[in-house]
N, C-alpha and C. Protein backbone atom coordinates (compact mmCIF):
# COMPACT_ATOMS: atom_id res chain seq x y z
N MET A 1 140.96 -25.16 94.89
CA MET A 1 141.18 -24.40 93.46
C MET A 1 141.67 -25.00 92.42
N PRO A 2 140.46 -24.70 91.43
CA PRO A 2 140.77 -25.56 90.36
C PRO A 2 141.77 -25.18 89.64
N ASP A 3 142.81 -26.40 88.93
CA ASP A 3 143.08 -25.74 87.69
C ASP A 3 143.67 -25.18 86.92
N THR A 4 144.37 -23.80 86.67
CA THR A 4 143.88 -23.08 85.56
C THR A 4 145.49 -23.31 84.45
N SER A 5 146.48 -24.13 84.76
CA SER A 5 146.81 -24.01 84.25
C SER A 5 147.22 -24.88 82.79
N PRO A 6 147.22 -24.58 81.79
CA PRO A 6 147.20 -24.22 80.38
C PRO A 6 146.96 -26.19 80.08
N ASN A 7 145.92 -26.76 79.21
CA ASN A 7 144.88 -27.35 78.79
C ASN A 7 146.09 -28.17 80.22
N ALA A 8 145.70 -28.47 81.48
CA ALA A 8 146.23 -29.59 81.89
C ALA A 8 145.40 -30.62 82.27
N THR A 9 143.87 -30.87 81.84
CA THR A 9 143.19 -31.99 80.99
C THR A 9 143.04 -33.19 80.47
N LEU A 10 144.11 -32.85 79.42
CA LEU A 10 145.31 -32.88 77.32
C LEU A 10 146.00 -33.24 78.30
N PRO A 11 145.95 -34.65 77.09
CA PRO A 11 147.61 -35.03 76.26
C PRO A 11 147.84 -33.70 75.85
N PRO A 12 149.14 -33.95 75.06
CA PRO A 12 149.89 -34.01 74.43
C PRO A 12 149.51 -34.14 72.66
N LEU A 13 149.79 -32.40 71.59
CA LEU A 13 149.98 -33.12 70.59
C LEU A 13 149.88 -34.68 70.24
N PRO A 14 150.31 -35.05 68.92
CA PRO A 14 150.52 -35.55 68.71
C PRO A 14 152.30 -35.73 67.53
N PRO A 15 152.68 -36.05 67.23
CA PRO A 15 153.84 -35.46 66.78
C PRO A 15 153.65 -34.37 64.95
N LEU A 16 154.00 -34.32 64.74
CA LEU A 16 153.92 -33.10 63.37
C LEU A 16 153.46 -34.44 62.29
N ALA A 17 154.10 -34.67 62.04
CA ALA A 17 153.71 -36.25 61.94
C ALA A 17 152.92 -37.62 61.63
N THR A 18 152.41 -37.50 62.38
CA THR A 18 151.14 -37.86 63.30
C THR A 18 150.48 -37.40 62.49
N GLN A 19 150.79 -36.23 63.22
CA GLN A 19 148.70 -35.02 62.37
C GLN A 19 149.52 -35.74 60.70
N ALA A 20 149.77 -34.39 60.14
CA ALA A 20 149.80 -35.27 58.44
C ALA A 20 149.06 -35.88 58.47
N GLU A 21 149.52 -37.59 58.96
CA GLU A 21 148.69 -38.19 58.11
C GLU A 21 147.47 -38.33 58.23
N HIS A 22 147.10 -38.15 59.38
CA HIS A 22 145.86 -38.33 59.79
C HIS A 22 145.26 -36.84 58.81
N LEU A 23 145.24 -36.14 58.80
CA LEU A 23 145.38 -34.78 57.74
C LEU A 23 144.85 -35.17 56.30
N ILE A 24 145.99 -36.27 56.16
CA ILE A 24 145.70 -36.86 54.68
C ILE A 24 145.06 -37.80 54.42
N ALA A 25 144.50 -38.91 56.15
CA ALA A 25 143.48 -39.66 56.01
C ALA A 25 141.94 -39.36 55.28
N LEU A 26 141.64 -37.55 56.62
CA LEU A 26 141.07 -37.24 56.03
C LEU A 26 140.82 -36.53 54.79
N GLY A 27 141.21 -37.03 53.75
CA GLY A 27 141.37 -35.33 53.17
C GLY A 27 141.33 -34.26 52.72
N VAL A 28 142.39 -34.04 53.87
CA VAL A 28 142.35 -32.51 54.12
C VAL A 28 142.92 -32.33 52.76
N HIS A 29 143.90 -33.12 52.28
CA HIS A 29 145.49 -32.33 51.60
C HIS A 29 144.75 -32.45 50.36
N GLU A 30 143.22 -32.86 50.48
CA GLU A 30 142.87 -32.86 48.64
C GLU A 30 141.40 -31.86 48.74
N LEU A 31 140.76 -31.25 49.97
CA LEU A 31 141.15 -29.81 49.96
C LEU A 31 141.60 -28.71 49.99
N ALA A 32 142.23 -29.32 50.43
CA ALA A 32 143.80 -27.60 50.29
C ALA A 32 144.86 -27.32 48.71
N GLY A 33 144.09 -28.65 48.24
CA GLY A 33 145.49 -29.31 46.71
C GLY A 33 146.86 -29.35 46.83
N ILE A 34 147.11 -30.13 48.18
CA ILE A 34 148.91 -29.96 48.43
C ILE A 34 148.58 -31.52 48.48
N PRO A 35 149.56 -31.94 48.01
CA PRO A 35 149.71 -32.93 47.86
C PRO A 35 150.81 -33.80 49.14
N ALA A 36 149.89 -35.33 48.80
CA ALA A 36 150.38 -35.24 50.60
C ALA A 36 151.72 -35.74 51.22
N ASP A 37 152.68 -36.19 50.36
CA ASP A 37 154.66 -36.29 50.22
C ASP A 37 154.84 -35.37 50.57
N ALA A 38 153.69 -33.83 50.08
CA ALA A 38 154.46 -32.47 50.74
C ALA A 38 153.64 -32.27 51.75
N MET A 39 152.36 -33.28 52.00
CA MET A 39 152.77 -31.94 53.53
C MET A 39 152.90 -33.04 55.01
N ARG A 40 153.80 -34.47 53.97
CA ARG A 40 154.80 -35.40 54.69
C ARG A 40 155.90 -35.25 55.17
N ALA A 41 156.14 -34.71 53.94
CA ALA A 41 157.78 -33.48 53.83
C ALA A 41 157.87 -32.34 54.76
N PHE A 42 156.36 -31.68 55.03
CA PHE A 42 156.58 -30.39 55.87
C PHE A 42 156.56 -30.43 57.49
N ALA A 43 155.80 -31.45 57.52
CA ALA A 43 155.85 -32.90 59.36
C ALA A 43 156.60 -32.60 59.27
N GLU A 44 157.47 -33.36 58.57
CA GLU A 44 159.18 -34.93 59.09
C GLU A 44 160.47 -32.80 58.95
N ASN A 45 160.59 -31.90 57.95
CA ASN A 45 161.09 -31.30 58.51
C ASN A 45 160.84 -29.79 58.87
N THR A 46 159.95 -30.20 60.26
CA THR A 46 159.58 -28.81 61.07
C THR A 46 159.98 -29.37 62.78
N HIS A 47 159.77 -28.49 63.71
CA HIS A 47 160.26 -28.66 64.86
C HIS A 47 158.62 -28.93 65.12
N GLY A 48 158.71 -30.19 66.31
CA GLY A 48 157.14 -30.36 67.10
C GLY A 48 156.86 -29.95 67.62
N GLY A 49 157.65 -28.74 68.74
CA GLY A 49 157.23 -28.38 70.12
C GLY A 49 157.00 -28.67 70.58
N ASP A 50 157.18 -30.29 71.24
CA ASP A 50 157.55 -30.61 72.14
C ASP A 50 155.76 -31.48 72.85
N GLY A 51 155.31 -31.56 71.88
CA GLY A 51 154.28 -32.42 72.25
C GLY A 51 153.06 -30.79 72.10
N ASN A 52 153.33 -29.58 71.92
CA ASN A 52 152.15 -28.52 71.43
C ASN A 52 152.21 -27.63 70.27
N ALA A 53 152.66 -28.37 69.33
CA ALA A 53 152.76 -27.88 68.16
C ALA A 53 151.46 -28.61 67.48
N LEU A 54 150.69 -27.36 66.55
CA LEU A 54 149.13 -28.13 66.05
C LEU A 54 150.34 -27.93 64.53
N LEU A 55 150.04 -28.64 63.34
CA LEU A 55 150.33 -28.72 62.22
C LEU A 55 148.52 -27.77 61.35
N ALA A 56 149.16 -26.72 60.70
CA ALA A 56 147.45 -26.18 60.88
C ALA A 56 147.24 -25.61 58.65
N VAL A 57 146.34 -26.14 57.70
CA VAL A 57 146.03 -25.34 56.69
C VAL A 57 145.92 -23.85 56.60
N HIS A 58 146.35 -23.12 56.15
CA HIS A 58 145.94 -21.59 55.64
C HIS A 58 144.71 -22.27 55.40
N PRO A 59 143.92 -20.86 55.97
CA PRO A 59 142.42 -21.26 55.71
C PRO A 59 141.72 -20.98 54.53
N GLU A 60 142.77 -20.41 53.22
CA GLU A 60 142.14 -19.66 51.72
C GLU A 60 142.30 -20.91 51.11
N ARG A 61 143.50 -22.32 51.38
CA ARG A 61 143.26 -23.31 51.07
C ARG A 61 142.69 -24.49 51.86
N ALA A 62 141.99 -24.30 53.24
CA ALA A 62 140.79 -25.04 53.60
C ALA A 62 139.88 -24.21 54.20
N PRO A 63 138.55 -24.38 54.40
CA PRO A 63 138.11 -23.31 54.71
C PRO A 63 137.12 -23.83 56.39
N ALA A 64 136.81 -22.99 56.36
CA ALA A 64 135.97 -23.65 58.28
C ALA A 64 134.97 -24.33 57.85
N SER A 65 134.49 -24.41 56.69
CA SER A 65 132.67 -25.29 56.10
C SER A 65 133.38 -26.19 55.45
N ALA A 66 134.50 -26.11 55.38
CA ALA A 66 134.74 -27.50 54.34
C ALA A 66 135.89 -28.48 55.84
N LEU A 67 135.98 -28.22 57.33
CA LEU A 67 136.59 -28.15 57.70
C LEU A 67 135.68 -29.36 58.78
N ALA A 68 135.23 -28.32 58.88
CA ALA A 68 134.38 -28.64 60.48
C ALA A 68 132.76 -29.73 60.35
N PRO A 69 133.28 -30.56 59.20
CA PRO A 69 132.20 -32.21 58.63
C PRO A 69 132.53 -33.21 59.21
N LEU A 70 134.63 -32.28 59.20
CA LEU A 70 135.09 -33.77 59.49
C LEU A 70 136.07 -33.92 60.35
N LEU A 71 135.05 -32.57 61.69
CA LEU A 71 134.80 -32.94 63.30
C LEU A 71 133.53 -34.38 63.65
N ARG A 72 134.37 -34.79 64.82
CA ARG A 72 133.58 -35.76 65.32
C ARG A 72 133.06 -36.12 66.47
N HIS A 73 132.25 -35.68 67.43
CA HIS A 73 132.48 -36.21 68.87
C HIS A 73 130.98 -37.19 68.94
N ASP A 74 131.22 -38.31 70.31
CA ASP A 74 130.33 -39.60 69.98
C ASP A 74 130.21 -39.80 68.66
N GLY A 75 130.69 -40.23 67.93
CA GLY A 75 130.10 -40.85 66.51
C GLY A 75 129.06 -39.58 65.34
N LYS A 76 129.78 -38.53 66.00
CA LYS A 76 128.26 -37.76 65.26
C LYS A 76 129.55 -36.31 64.52
N PRO A 77 129.31 -36.65 63.26
CA PRO A 77 130.02 -35.82 62.78
C PRO A 77 129.98 -33.79 62.51
N GLY A 78 130.17 -33.13 62.67
CA GLY A 78 130.27 -31.36 63.09
C GLY A 78 129.84 -30.63 62.25
N PHE A 79 129.07 -29.21 62.11
CA PHE A 79 128.16 -29.05 61.64
C PHE A 79 128.46 -27.55 61.54
N VAL A 80 128.20 -26.04 60.28
CA VAL A 80 127.98 -25.39 61.45
C VAL A 80 126.89 -24.48 60.99
N VAL A 81 126.03 -23.63 61.50
CA VAL A 81 125.12 -23.45 62.60
C VAL A 81 124.35 -23.02 61.45
N VAL A 82 123.48 -22.39 61.50
CA VAL A 82 122.20 -22.82 59.84
C VAL A 82 122.45 -20.93 60.21
N ASP A 83 122.59 -20.19 60.48
CA ASP A 83 122.62 -18.94 60.35
C ASP A 83 124.69 -18.04 61.13
N MET A 84 124.85 -19.12 60.15
CA MET A 84 125.91 -18.40 59.67
C MET A 84 126.85 -19.49 58.58
N PRO A 85 125.55 -19.03 57.24
CA PRO A 85 126.39 -19.01 56.42
C PRO A 85 127.64 -18.13 55.48
N ASP A 86 127.48 -17.17 56.47
CA ASP A 86 128.48 -16.29 56.63
C ASP A 86 130.40 -16.80 56.96
N VAL A 87 129.89 -18.33 56.99
CA VAL A 87 131.41 -18.90 58.81
C VAL A 87 132.49 -18.55 57.47
N ASP A 88 132.82 -18.66 56.21
CA ASP A 88 134.40 -18.64 55.96
C ASP A 88 134.90 -17.10 55.05
N ASP A 89 134.17 -16.16 55.64
CA ASP A 89 134.12 -14.71 55.45
C ASP A 89 135.21 -14.18 56.72
N PHE A 90 134.87 -15.32 58.10
CA PHE A 90 135.46 -14.86 58.69
C PHE A 90 137.30 -15.16 58.05
N ALA A 91 137.80 -13.76 58.80
CA ALA A 91 139.47 -13.76 57.70
C ALA A 91 140.43 -14.07 58.87
N PRO A 92 141.20 -13.79 59.33
CA PRO A 92 142.41 -13.59 60.40
C PRO A 92 142.03 -11.39 60.95
N ASP A 93 142.15 -11.11 61.95
CA ASP A 93 141.43 -9.95 61.60
C ASP A 93 142.88 -9.92 63.31
N ALA A 94 143.71 -8.41 62.55
CA ALA A 94 144.80 -8.71 63.36
C ALA A 94 145.75 -9.62 63.89
N VAL A 95 145.86 -10.62 63.27
CA VAL A 95 146.89 -11.61 63.00
C VAL A 95 147.59 -12.32 62.48
N GLU A 96 148.72 -12.55 62.22
CA GLU A 96 149.12 -12.60 60.77
C GLU A 96 149.99 -14.12 60.88
N LEU A 97 149.43 -14.64 59.99
CA LEU A 97 149.47 -15.92 59.54
C LEU A 97 150.93 -16.26 58.78
N PRO A 98 151.68 -17.46 58.09
CA PRO A 98 153.13 -17.52 57.72
C PRO A 98 152.01 -17.49 55.81
N HIS A 99 153.43 -16.98 55.78
CA HIS A 99 152.63 -17.24 53.80
C HIS A 99 152.83 -18.77 52.67
N ALA A 100 151.92 -18.94 53.06
CA ALA A 100 152.55 -21.20 52.73
C ALA A 100 151.22 -22.23 53.43
N PRO A 101 151.05 -23.00 52.42
CA PRO A 101 149.88 -23.35 52.75
C PRO A 101 149.88 -24.03 54.24
N LEU A 102 151.11 -24.71 54.64
CA LEU A 102 151.01 -25.01 56.28
C LEU A 102 151.65 -24.56 56.87
N TYR A 103 151.37 -24.33 57.93
CA TYR A 103 152.05 -23.79 58.64
C TYR A 103 151.53 -24.44 60.51
N VAL A 104 152.55 -23.82 61.43
CA VAL A 104 152.22 -24.58 62.47
C VAL A 104 152.35 -24.01 64.05
N VAL A 105 150.91 -23.61 64.90
CA VAL A 105 150.59 -22.49 65.42
C VAL A 105 150.74 -23.67 67.06
N THR A 106 151.66 -22.75 67.95
CA THR A 106 152.61 -23.27 69.23
C THR A 106 152.66 -22.06 70.34
N GLY A 107 151.90 -23.73 71.24
CA GLY A 107 151.84 -23.20 72.76
C GLY A 107 149.88 -23.05 72.99
N VAL A 108 150.10 -23.39 72.53
CA VAL A 108 147.73 -24.22 72.40
C VAL A 108 147.07 -24.40 73.10
N ASP A 109 145.78 -23.38 74.48
CA ASP A 109 145.60 -23.31 75.19
C ASP A 109 144.17 -22.90 75.08
N ARG A 110 143.81 -23.74 75.91
CA ARG A 110 141.71 -23.38 75.62
C ARG A 110 141.62 -21.92 75.78
N GLY A 111 142.02 -21.51 77.04
CA GLY A 111 141.96 -20.69 78.35
C GLY A 111 140.53 -20.90 78.54
N ASP A 112 140.10 -21.91 79.33
CA ASP A 112 139.41 -22.85 80.82
C ASP A 112 139.37 -21.21 80.94
N HIS A 113 140.83 -20.63 82.40
CA HIS A 113 140.92 -19.35 82.83
C HIS A 113 140.04 -18.52 82.76
N MET A 114 140.16 -18.09 81.32
CA MET A 114 138.90 -17.62 80.76
C MET A 114 137.37 -17.87 80.68
N ALA A 115 136.32 -18.51 80.68
CA ALA A 115 135.53 -18.59 81.02
C ALA A 115 134.51 -18.17 81.73
N ASN A 116 133.35 -17.71 81.30
CA ASN A 116 132.56 -16.26 81.75
C ASN A 116 133.21 -15.26 81.33
N TRP A 117 134.42 -14.83 80.78
CA TRP A 117 134.47 -13.20 80.15
C TRP A 117 134.01 -13.19 78.40
N SER A 118 134.25 -11.44 78.43
CA SER A 118 133.62 -11.97 77.11
C SER A 118 134.62 -11.70 75.64
N PRO A 119 134.30 -11.52 74.39
CA PRO A 119 135.65 -11.62 73.78
C PRO A 119 135.94 -10.31 74.14
N GLU A 120 135.25 -9.77 73.73
CA GLU A 120 135.72 -7.89 73.90
C GLU A 120 136.52 -7.75 75.63
N GLU A 121 136.45 -8.61 76.44
CA GLU A 121 137.26 -8.67 77.88
C GLU A 121 138.31 -9.39 77.32
N ALA A 122 137.71 -10.45 76.65
CA ALA A 122 139.20 -11.34 76.76
C ALA A 122 140.46 -11.60 75.61
N LEU A 123 140.29 -10.74 74.72
CA LEU A 123 140.97 -10.11 73.87
C LEU A 123 142.73 -9.59 74.14
N PRO A 124 141.90 -8.02 74.74
CA PRO A 124 143.52 -6.58 75.23
C PRO A 124 143.79 -8.21 76.88
N ALA A 125 143.21 -8.85 77.49
CA ALA A 125 144.26 -9.87 77.92
C ALA A 125 145.24 -10.75 77.05
N LEU A 126 144.83 -11.17 76.43
CA LEU A 126 145.56 -12.22 75.48
C LEU A 126 146.77 -11.73 75.70
N THR A 127 146.57 -10.41 74.66
CA THR A 127 147.49 -9.16 73.98
C THR A 127 148.75 -8.45 75.12
N LYS A 128 148.02 -8.87 76.19
CA LYS A 128 148.96 -8.81 77.60
C LYS A 128 149.69 -9.79 77.81
N GLU A 129 149.16 -10.70 77.77
CA GLU A 129 149.65 -12.22 78.44
C GLU A 129 150.48 -12.14 77.05
N GLU A 130 151.29 -11.28 75.67
CA GLU A 130 151.57 -12.43 74.65
C GLU A 130 151.14 -13.32 73.54
N ARG A 131 150.57 -13.34 73.98
CA ARG A 131 149.39 -14.60 72.67
C ARG A 131 148.46 -14.12 72.35
N THR A 132 148.21 -14.94 71.63
CA THR A 132 146.89 -14.14 69.88
C THR A 132 146.22 -15.46 69.43
N PRO A 133 145.29 -15.43 69.81
CA PRO A 133 143.71 -15.69 69.59
C PRO A 133 143.93 -17.12 68.29
N LEU A 134 143.15 -17.90 68.49
CA LEU A 134 142.87 -18.58 68.32
C LEU A 134 142.52 -18.17 66.24
N LEU A 135 142.62 -18.61 65.36
CA LEU A 135 141.52 -18.49 63.98
C LEU A 135 140.49 -19.78 64.68
N LEU A 136 139.54 -19.26 63.25
CA LEU A 136 138.86 -21.09 63.57
C LEU A 136 138.94 -21.84 63.04
N THR A 137 139.18 -22.53 61.35
CA THR A 137 139.58 -22.64 61.68
C THR A 137 141.02 -24.38 61.83
N GLU A 138 141.61 -23.17 62.17
CA GLU A 138 143.00 -23.60 63.67
C GLU A 138 142.00 -24.06 65.21
N GLY A 139 141.48 -23.71 65.10
CA GLY A 139 141.03 -24.07 66.52
C GLY A 139 139.89 -25.74 65.99
N ILE A 140 138.54 -25.87 65.07
CA ILE A 140 139.33 -27.04 64.03
C ILE A 140 139.98 -27.95 63.84
N HIS A 141 140.82 -27.35 63.35
CA HIS A 141 142.74 -28.23 63.20
C HIS A 141 143.01 -28.81 64.20
N TRP A 142 142.48 -27.94 65.65
CA TRP A 142 143.45 -28.79 66.65
C TRP A 142 142.71 -29.50 67.58
N VAL A 143 140.88 -29.39 67.25
CA VAL A 143 139.95 -30.08 67.41
C VAL A 143 139.44 -32.06 66.76
N LEU A 144 140.28 -31.45 65.78
CA LEU A 144 140.53 -33.03 64.58
C LEU A 144 142.30 -33.92 65.13
N GLN A 145 142.55 -33.06 65.72
CA GLN A 145 144.20 -33.85 65.87
C GLN A 145 143.72 -34.52 67.58
N GLN A 146 142.14 -33.19 68.32
CA GLN A 146 143.03 -34.23 69.65
C GLN A 146 141.07 -33.02 70.59
N PRO A 147 140.40 -34.36 69.87
CA PRO A 147 139.55 -34.82 70.12
C PRO A 147 138.87 -34.50 71.83
N ALA A 148 139.50 -34.31 73.37
CA ALA A 148 139.96 -34.04 73.98
C ALA A 148 139.72 -33.17 74.09
N ALA A 149 140.44 -32.22 73.05
CA ALA A 149 140.05 -30.76 73.56
C ALA A 149 138.92 -30.41 73.86
N LEU A 150 137.77 -30.70 72.28
CA LEU A 150 136.31 -30.14 73.05
C LEU A 150 135.99 -30.84 74.16
N GLU A 151 135.08 -30.40 74.39
CA GLU A 151 134.33 -30.55 76.78
C GLU A 151 133.34 -30.17 76.60
N ARG A 152 132.63 -30.76 77.56
CA ARG A 152 130.94 -30.24 77.59
C ARG A 152 131.28 -29.62 78.24
N ASN A 153 130.38 -28.37 78.57
CA ASN A 153 131.29 -27.70 79.61
C ASN A 153 132.96 -26.80 80.05
N ARG A 154 133.73 -27.26 78.73
CA ARG A 154 134.71 -26.55 78.38
C ARG A 154 135.15 -26.58 76.86
N CYS A 155 134.56 -25.79 76.63
CA CYS A 155 134.48 -25.48 74.62
C CYS A 155 134.83 -24.52 74.72
N PHE A 156 135.14 -23.97 73.91
CA PHE A 156 136.09 -22.57 73.24
C PHE A 156 135.93 -21.79 72.12
N MET A 157 136.21 -20.28 72.24
CA MET A 157 135.57 -19.26 71.25
C MET A 157 136.92 -19.07 70.14
N THR A 158 136.52 -18.47 69.57
CA THR A 158 138.39 -18.41 68.56
C THR A 158 137.98 -17.09 67.94
N ILE A 159 138.14 -15.77 69.02
CA ILE A 159 138.40 -14.70 68.45
C ILE A 159 139.67 -14.19 67.30
N GLY A 160 139.98 -14.89 66.89
CA GLY A 160 140.91 -14.33 65.58
C GLY A 160 140.84 -14.11 64.29
N SER A 161 139.53 -14.48 64.67
CA SER A 161 139.18 -14.37 63.22
C SER A 161 137.39 -13.93 63.28
N ARG A 162 137.67 -12.90 62.21
CA ARG A 162 136.41 -12.01 62.65
C ARG A 162 135.93 -11.37 61.01
N LEU A 163 134.16 -10.72 60.95
CA LEU A 163 133.87 -10.56 60.08
C LEU A 163 134.11 -8.96 59.97
N ARG A 164 134.70 -8.79 58.07
CA ARG A 164 134.42 -7.44 58.30
C ARG A 164 133.33 -6.95 58.20
N LYS A 165 132.62 -6.06 58.18
CA LYS A 165 131.32 -5.23 57.44
C LYS A 165 131.89 -4.47 56.49
N ALA A 166 131.16 -4.66 55.48
CA ALA A 166 131.21 -3.44 54.42
C ALA A 166 131.43 -1.73 54.15
N ASN A 167 130.94 -1.67 55.71
CA ASN A 167 131.82 0.03 55.74
C ASN A 167 133.29 -0.01 56.88
N GLY A 168 133.23 -1.11 56.91
CA GLY A 168 134.45 -1.20 58.15
C GLY A 168 134.60 -1.66 58.81
N THR A 169 133.46 -1.44 59.34
CA THR A 169 133.17 -1.84 60.92
C THR A 169 133.18 -3.65 60.98
N LEU A 170 133.08 -4.15 62.14
CA LEU A 170 133.41 -5.52 62.53
C LEU A 170 131.73 -5.98 62.53
N ASP A 171 131.90 -7.55 62.17
CA ASP A 171 130.72 -7.70 63.44
C ASP A 171 130.49 -8.25 64.09
N ALA A 172 129.39 -7.92 65.22
CA ALA A 172 130.13 -8.82 66.15
C ALA A 172 129.02 -9.70 66.56
N ARG A 173 129.24 -10.94 65.44
CA ARG A 173 129.43 -11.95 66.14
C ARG A 173 130.78 -12.60 66.40
N THR A 174 131.00 -13.86 67.48
CA THR A 174 132.25 -13.70 67.92
C THR A 174 132.51 -15.40 67.34
N PRO A 175 133.36 -16.48 66.23
CA PRO A 175 133.70 -17.46 66.05
C PRO A 175 133.34 -18.70 67.34
N ALA A 176 132.71 -19.97 67.22
CA ALA A 176 133.40 -20.74 68.87
C ALA A 176 133.26 -22.05 68.17
N ILE A 177 133.28 -23.00 69.30
CA ILE A 177 133.54 -24.38 68.35
C ILE A 177 132.33 -24.71 69.97
N TRP A 178 131.71 -25.77 69.60
CA TRP A 178 131.16 -26.27 71.00
C TRP A 178 130.49 -27.23 70.73
N ILE A 179 130.12 -28.29 71.92
CA ILE A 179 128.74 -29.31 71.71
C ILE A 179 127.10 -28.90 71.34
N SER A 180 126.80 -28.92 70.23
CA SER A 180 124.83 -29.41 70.35
C SER A 180 124.78 -29.88 71.34
N ASN A 181 123.86 -29.38 71.22
CA ASN A 181 122.47 -29.71 72.81
C ASN A 181 121.77 -30.69 71.47
N GLY A 182 121.47 -30.17 70.44
CA GLY A 182 120.47 -31.21 70.01
C GLY A 182 118.89 -30.28 69.64
N THR A 183 118.88 -29.78 70.89
CA THR A 183 118.20 -27.57 70.91
C THR A 183 117.60 -26.98 69.01
N GLY A 184 116.70 -26.50 69.28
CA GLY A 184 116.51 -25.13 68.48
C GLY A 184 116.79 -25.91 66.92
N ARG A 185 117.63 -25.27 66.12
CA ARG A 185 117.27 -26.16 64.50
C ARG A 185 118.55 -26.39 64.06
N ASP A 186 119.45 -27.04 65.61
CA ASP A 186 119.76 -28.08 65.20
C ASP A 186 119.69 -29.14 64.95
N GLY A 187 118.72 -29.65 65.37
CA GLY A 187 117.71 -31.38 65.68
C GLY A 187 118.30 -31.48 66.26
N ARG A 188 117.50 -32.17 67.35
CA ARG A 188 118.01 -33.66 67.84
C ARG A 188 118.78 -34.23 67.36
N GLU A 189 118.73 -35.13 66.72
CA GLU A 189 119.83 -36.46 65.60
C GLU A 189 121.38 -35.36 65.91
N ARG A 190 121.48 -33.27 66.18
CA ARG A 190 123.00 -33.85 65.89
C ARG A 190 123.18 -33.26 67.74
N ARG A 191 121.90 -34.15 68.80
CA ARG A 191 122.51 -33.60 70.16
C ARG A 191 124.10 -33.97 70.24
N ASN A 192 125.67 -33.49 70.69
CA ASN A 192 126.12 -33.89 71.75
C ASN A 192 127.03 -33.50 70.38
N ALA A 193 126.66 -33.80 68.67
CA ALA A 193 127.87 -33.05 67.21
C ALA A 193 128.47 -31.55 67.63
N PRO A 194 130.34 -32.36 67.51
CA PRO A 194 130.48 -30.64 67.46
C PRO A 194 130.17 -29.37 66.13
N LYS A 195 129.61 -28.58 67.54
CA LYS A 195 129.38 -27.04 66.97
C LYS A 195 130.11 -26.31 66.54
N VAL A 196 130.05 -25.72 65.21
CA VAL A 196 130.29 -23.91 64.63
C VAL A 196 129.60 -23.79 65.22
N GLY A 197 129.71 -22.86 65.69
CA GLY A 197 128.93 -21.24 65.96
C GLY A 197 129.13 -19.80 66.79
N TRP A 198 128.79 -18.37 66.66
CA TRP A 198 129.01 -18.17 67.32
C TRP A 198 128.38 -17.34 68.55
N CYS A 199 128.79 -16.40 69.02
CA CYS A 199 127.38 -15.82 70.46
C CYS A 199 129.44 -14.46 69.74
N TRP A 200 128.18 -13.09 70.73
CA TRP A 200 128.65 -12.28 70.50
C TRP A 200 129.50 -11.14 71.41
N TRP A 201 129.83 -10.28 70.68
CA TRP A 201 130.62 -9.89 70.89
C TRP A 201 131.33 -9.11 72.27
N GLY A 202 130.06 -8.66 73.11
CA GLY A 202 130.35 -8.67 74.51
C GLY A 202 129.39 -9.39 75.67
N ASN A 203 128.97 -10.64 74.75
CA ASN A 203 128.36 -11.46 75.78
C ASN A 203 129.69 -12.46 76.42
N ARG A 204 129.74 -12.48 78.13
CA ARG A 204 130.11 -14.47 78.52
C ARG A 204 129.00 -15.27 78.04
N HIS A 205 129.33 -16.08 78.40
CA HIS A 205 128.61 -17.81 78.72
C HIS A 205 129.83 -18.71 79.02
N THR A 206 129.32 -19.43 80.39
CA THR A 206 130.57 -19.87 81.68
C THR A 206 131.15 -21.07 80.75
N TRP A 207 130.59 -22.22 79.71
CA TRP A 207 131.16 -22.79 79.37
C TRP A 207 131.89 -22.22 78.65
N LEU A 208 131.98 -21.01 77.90
CA LEU A 208 133.13 -21.01 76.90
C LEU A 208 135.20 -20.05 77.42
N GLY A 209 136.32 -20.93 76.69
CA GLY A 209 137.07 -19.99 77.18
C GLY A 209 137.20 -19.53 76.10
N PHE A 210 138.65 -19.33 75.69
CA PHE A 210 139.08 -18.69 74.26
C PHE A 210 140.49 -18.78 73.73
N ALA A 211 140.49 -19.59 73.01
CA ALA A 211 141.95 -20.80 73.35
C ALA A 211 142.28 -20.00 72.34
N SER A 212 143.96 -19.69 72.58
CA SER A 212 145.58 -18.89 71.97
C SER A 212 146.77 -19.62 71.93
N ALA A 213 147.32 -19.16 71.07
CA ALA A 213 148.43 -19.77 70.38
C ALA A 213 149.51 -18.34 71.64
N THR A 214 151.09 -18.36 71.45
CA THR A 214 152.29 -18.33 72.01
C THR A 214 153.04 -18.00 70.66
N GLY A 215 151.92 -18.21 68.53
CA GLY A 215 153.09 -18.07 67.99
C GLY A 215 152.76 -19.10 66.51
N ARG A 216 153.08 -18.71 65.54
CA ARG A 216 152.55 -18.43 64.53
C ARG A 216 154.37 -19.21 63.22
N GLY A 217 154.24 -20.73 63.00
CA GLY A 217 155.57 -20.44 61.48
C GLY A 217 155.44 -21.14 61.65
N ARG A 218 156.76 -21.55 60.30
CA ARG A 218 157.34 -22.17 59.39
C ARG A 218 157.73 -23.55 59.87
């Protein structure tokens, strides 16, 4: 039987202090308007979660469109699909974030056991398990810190981010992060690049799990 334990194939996340230094090296602190020393201090003064705590920047400070190009896979930068120009309008839905520029996400899991589920099926199951779906920006942060979290045929959706339309209903698109095949409008030069895109709320994909966490805090 396949191993369906959380992140069975992935190493622990680096310590929060190491994650902070990586974000600083990428210039994320400048994107977010957070002094480097403040990011270091937050990481040093926050419990590390025994290797499964992720340092995240609030999406209002560092949106997905700014973070995606920092992703790397096979030496290629990440990108947002051309038919998702509104990527930064996908906001937390039924997810409470700490009121702070920096916070920690604990118990991150890729949700491989939910591959070939639809978002519509996965959300109530995660809720029943007392887990919270990752935001798109949190998923990007995860791959920035742990590139191995993005594997071909083992990628993931981030259904904590949804787009609410002007009439109050939710857009049927749900964001995901996977690896481009270099086809269609992606362009052949982007084959194997990390890709921020979307899937329909009711559709299933054998190669997409549902990333989630046990909680968020400061």
